[in-house]
């Protein structure tokens, strides 16, 4: 059996790379990794070397998706407040007993449903 340690990279389709880059870098604070001008892709580090997201410009039709980013429980409320200060509508926090974790929800510039998830306990 393969022992999966976690998820290292997730691809997110976006309509306009520059707008998505501004949101993910300036609002969420993800770090620049690599820009692939040929494919119109931008690799951003999520949590240092822990993993990456790849913003992939795609003008076609695609459905919005859901992505959750891990944060500490101590930082969740402050992160939600910071999102709201930047004009991002936030829903929550909610407590998920089965995880256990607290989460807040919001959308990016392309309508993807994002979550900040803070495991507790």
C-alpha atoms as a PDB file:
ATOM      1  CA  UNK A   1       0.000   0.000   0.000  1.00  0.00           C
ATOM      2  CA  UNK A   2       1.234   3.514  -0.815  1.00  0.00           C
ATOM      3  CA  UNK A   3       1.548   5.768   2.239  1.00  0.00           C
ATOM      4  CA  UNK A   4       0.281   9.211   1.243  1.00  0.00           C
ATOM      5  CA  UNK A   5       1.773  11.936   3.458  1.00  0.00           C
ATOM      6  CA  UNK A   6      -0.465  14.782   2.255  1.00  0.00           C
ATOM      7  CA  UNK A   7      -1.213  16.899  -0.791  1.00  0.00           C
ATOM      8  CA  UNK A   8       1.708  18.785  -2.297  1.00  0.00           C
ATOM      9  CA  UNK A   9       0.172  20.624  -5.255  1.00  0.00           C
ATOM     10  CA  UNK A  10      -3.305  21.676  -6.355  1.00  0.00           C
ATOM     11  CA  UNK A  11      -4.186  23.269  -9.725  1.00  0.00           C
ATOM     12  CA  UNK A  12      -6.793  26.049  -9.725  1.00  0.00           C
ATOM     13  CA  UNK A  13      -8.296  27.253 -13.027  1.00  0.00           C
ATOM     14  CA  UNK A  14      -8.591  31.043 -13.291  1.00  0.00           C
ATOM     15  CA  UNK A  15      -9.997  33.359 -15.961  1.00  0.00           C
ATOM     16  CA  UNK A  16      -7.372  36.100 -15.692  1.00  0.00           C
ATOM     17  CA  UNK A  17      -4.013  35.178 -14.174  1.00  0.00           C
ATOM     18  CA  UNK A  18      -3.077  38.725 -13.101  1.00  0.00           C
ATOM     19  CA  UNK A  19      -6.293  39.198 -11.077  1.00  0.00           C
ATOM     20  CA  UNK A  20      -5.972  35.776  -9.468  1.00  0.00           C
ATOM     21  CA  UNK A  21      -2.300  36.407  -8.693  1.00  0.00           C
ATOM     22  CA  UNK A  22      -3.148  39.677  -6.938  1.00  0.00           C
ATOM     23  CA  UNK A  23      -5.765  37.915  -4.780  1.00  0.00           C
ATOM     24  CA  UNK A  24      -3.681  34.886  -3.832  1.00  0.00           C
ATOM     25  CA  UNK A  25      -0.466  36.832  -3.218  1.00  0.00           C
ATOM     26  CA  UNK A  26      -1.755  40.106  -1.755  1.00  0.00           C
ATOM     27  CA  UNK A  27      -4.849  38.916   0.114  1.00  0.00           C
ATOM     28  CA  UNK A  28      -3.863  35.367   1.117  1.00  0.00           C
ATOM     29  CA  UNK A  29      -0.119  36.029   1.302  1.00  0.00           C
ATOM     30  CA  UNK A  30       1.025  33.053  -0.780  1.00  0.00           C
ATOM     31  CA  UNK A  31       4.651  33.235  -1.878  1.00  0.00           C
ATOM     32  CA  UNK A  32       5.883  33.358  -5.474  1.00  0.00           C
ATOM     33  CA  UNK A  33       7.349  30.100  -6.736  1.00  0.00           C
ATOM     34  CA  UNK A  34       7.610  30.069 -10.543  1.00  0.00           C
ATOM     35  CA  UNK A  35       5.905  31.748 -13.493  1.00  0.00           C
ATOM     36  CA  UNK A  36       5.428  29.659 -16.659  1.00  0.00           C
ATOM     37  CA  UNK A  37       4.688  32.257 -19.352  1.00  0.00           C
ATOM     38  CA  UNK A  38       4.283  29.611 -22.072  1.00  0.00           C
ATOM     39  CA  UNK A  39       1.359  27.875 -20.361  1.00  0.00           C
ATOM     40  CA  UNK A  40       0.106  30.950 -18.427  1.00  0.00           C
ATOM     41  CA  UNK A  41       0.587  29.197 -15.099  1.00  0.00           C
ATOM     42  CA  UNK A  42       1.774  30.611 -11.791  1.00  0.00           C
ATOM     43  CA  UNK A  43       3.136  28.395  -9.023  1.00  0.00           C
ATOM     44  CA  UNK A  44       2.663  29.808  -5.523  1.00  0.00           C
ATOM     45  CA  UNK A  45       3.962  28.316  -2.296  1.00  0.00           C
ATOM     46  CA  UNK A  46       1.350  27.607   0.362  1.00  0.00           C
ATOM     47  CA  UNK A  47       3.099  27.229   3.705  1.00  0.00           C
ATOM     48  CA  UNK A  48       6.706  27.519   2.573  1.00  0.00           C
ATOM     49  CA  UNK A  49       7.982  24.202   1.245  1.00  0.00           C
ATOM     50  CA  UNK A  50       4.878  22.330   2.488  1.00  0.00           C
ATOM     51  CA  UNK A  51       3.066  22.564  -0.850  1.00  0.00           C
ATOM     52  CA  UNK A  52       1.959  24.684  -3.764  1.00  0.00           C
ATOM     53  CA  UNK A  53      -1.010  25.823  -5.719  1.00  0.00           C
ATOM     54  CA  UNK A  54      -0.818  26.382  -9.448  1.00  0.00           C
ATOM     55  CA  UNK A  55      -3.004  29.109 -10.902  1.00  0.00           C
ATOM     56  CA  UNK A  56      -3.747  28.006 -14.467  1.00  0.00           C
ATOM     57  CA  UNK A  57      -5.235  30.604 -16.798  1.00  0.00           C
ATOM     58  CA  UNK A  58      -8.104  28.984 -18.685  1.00  0.00           C
ATOM     59  CA  UNK A  59     -10.632  31.105 -20.572  1.00  0.00           C
ATOM     60  CA  UNK A  60     -12.899  28.093 -21.150  1.00  0.00           C
ATOM     61  CA  UNK A  61     -15.920  27.074 -19.143  1.00  0.00           C
ATOM     62  CA  UNK A  62     -15.317  25.330 -15.831  1.00  0.00           C
ATOM     63  CA  UNK A  63     -17.194  25.000 -12.569  1.00  0.00           C
ATOM     64  CA  UNK A  64     -16.078  26.703  -9.404  1.00  0.00           C
ATOM     65  CA  UNK A  65     -14.308  24.428  -6.959  1.00  0.00           C
ATOM     66  CA  UNK A  66     -13.671  24.263  -3.213  1.00  0.00           C
ATOM     67  CA  UNK A  67     -10.211  24.539  -1.641  1.00  0.00           C
ATOM     68  CA  UNK A  68      -9.285  24.687   2.042  1.00  0.00           C
ATOM     69  CA  UNK A  69      -6.107  26.203   3.461  1.00  0.00           C
ATOM     70  CA  UNK A  70      -4.847  25.164   6.903  1.00  0.00           C
ATOM     71  CA  UNK A  71      -4.244  27.844   9.522  1.00  0.00           C
ATOM     72  CA  UNK A  72      -3.723  27.634  13.258  1.00  0.00           C
ATOM     73  CA  UNK A  73      -6.738  27.990  15.527  1.00  0.00           C
ATOM     74  CA  UNK A  74      -5.031  30.954  17.208  1.00  0.00           C
ATOM     75  CA  UNK A  75      -4.806  32.773  13.851  1.00  0.00           C
ATOM     76  CA  UNK A  76      -8.247  31.981  12.408  1.00  0.00           C
ATOM     77  CA  UNK A  77     -10.213  34.904  13.860  1.00  0.00           C
ATOM     78  CA  UNK A  78      -7.505  37.418  12.951  1.00  0.00           C
ATOM     79  CA  UNK A  79      -7.268  36.011   9.433  1.00  0.00           C
ATOM     80  CA  UNK A  80     -11.039  36.323   9.003  1.00  0.00           C
ATOM     81  CA  UNK A  81     -10.910  39.935  10.210  1.00  0.00           C
ATOM     82  CA  UNK A  82      -8.054  40.697   7.814  1.00  0.00           C
ATOM     83  CA  UNK A  83     -10.022  39.249   4.889  1.00  0.00           C
ATOM     84  CA  UNK A  84     -12.987  41.439   5.792  1.00  0.00           C
ATOM     85  CA  UNK A  85     -10.714  44.511   6.052  1.00  0.00           C
ATOM     86  CA  UNK A  86      -9.611  43.765   2.480  1.00  0.00           C
ATOM     87  CA  UNK A  87     -13.220  43.697   1.284  1.00  0.00           C
ATOM     88  CA  UNK A  88     -13.665  39.914   1.205  1.00  0.00           C
ATOM     89  CA  UNK A  89     -17.018  38.682   2.547  1.00  0.00           C
ATOM     90  CA  UNK A  90     -16.447  35.971   5.172  1.00  0.00           C
ATOM     91  CA  UNK A  91     -18.942  33.364   6.391  1.00  0.00           C
ATOM     92  CA  UNK A  92     -18.265  31.834   9.784  1.00  0.00           C
ATOM     93  CA  UNK A  93     -16.505  30.700  11.841  1.00  0.00           C
ATOM     94  CA  UNK A  94     -18.162  27.302  12.080  1.00  0.00           C
ATOM     95  CA  UNK A  95     -17.125  24.439  14.318  1.00  0.00           C
ATOM     96  CA  UNK A  96     -16.941  20.966  12.730  1.00  0.00           C
ATOM     97  CA  UNK A  97     -17.124  18.420  15.543  1.00  0.00           C
ATOM     98  CA  UNK A  98     -16.206  15.438  13.386  1.00  0.00           C
ATOM     99  CA  UNK A  99     -12.784  16.900  12.453  1.00  0.00           C
ATOM    100  CA  UNK A 100     -12.514  18.729  14.983  1.00  0.00           C
ATOM    101  CA  UNK A 101     -11.820  22.110  13.381  1.00  0.00           C
ATOM    102  CA  UNK A 102     -13.080  25.669  13.018  1.00  0.00           C
ATOM    103  CA  UNK A 103     -13.522  27.125   9.535  1.00  0.00           C
ATOM    104  CA  UNK A 104     -14.394  30.340   7.740  1.00  0.00           C
ATOM    105  CA  UNK A 105     -15.523  30.474   4.121  1.00  0.00           C
ATOM    106  CA  UNK A 106     -15.111  33.050   1.331  1.00  0.00           C
ATOM    107  CA  UNK A 107     -14.700  33.220  -2.451  1.00  0.00           C
ATOM    108  CA  UNK A 108     -11.831  34.242  -4.687  1.00  0.00           C
ATOM    109  CA  UNK A 109     -12.007  36.513  -7.749  1.00  0.00           C
ATOM    110  CA  UNK A 110     -13.088  33.580  -9.957  1.00  0.00           C
ATOM    111  CA  UNK A 111     -15.853  32.353  -7.665  1.00  0.00           C
ATOM    112  CA  UNK A 112     -13.966  29.409  -6.171  1.00  0.00           C
ATOM    113  CA  UNK A 113     -15.203  28.594  -2.682  1.00  0.00           C
ATOM    114  CA  UNK A 114     -12.260  28.907  -0.301  1.00  0.00           C
ATOM    115  CA  UNK A 115     -11.918  27.919   3.323  1.00  0.00           C
ATOM    116  CA  UNK A 116      -9.492  28.649   6.104  1.00  0.00           C
ATOM    117  CA  UNK A 117      -9.550  25.534   8.278  1.00  0.00           C
ATOM    118  CA  UNK A 118      -8.079  25.469  11.782  1.00  0.00           C
ATOM    119  CA  UNK A 119      -7.787  22.042  13.420  1.00  0.00           C
ATOM    120  CA  UNK A 120      -8.382  22.215  17.175  1.00  0.00           C
ATOM    121  CA  UNK A 121      -7.414  19.967  20.041  1.00  0.00           C
END
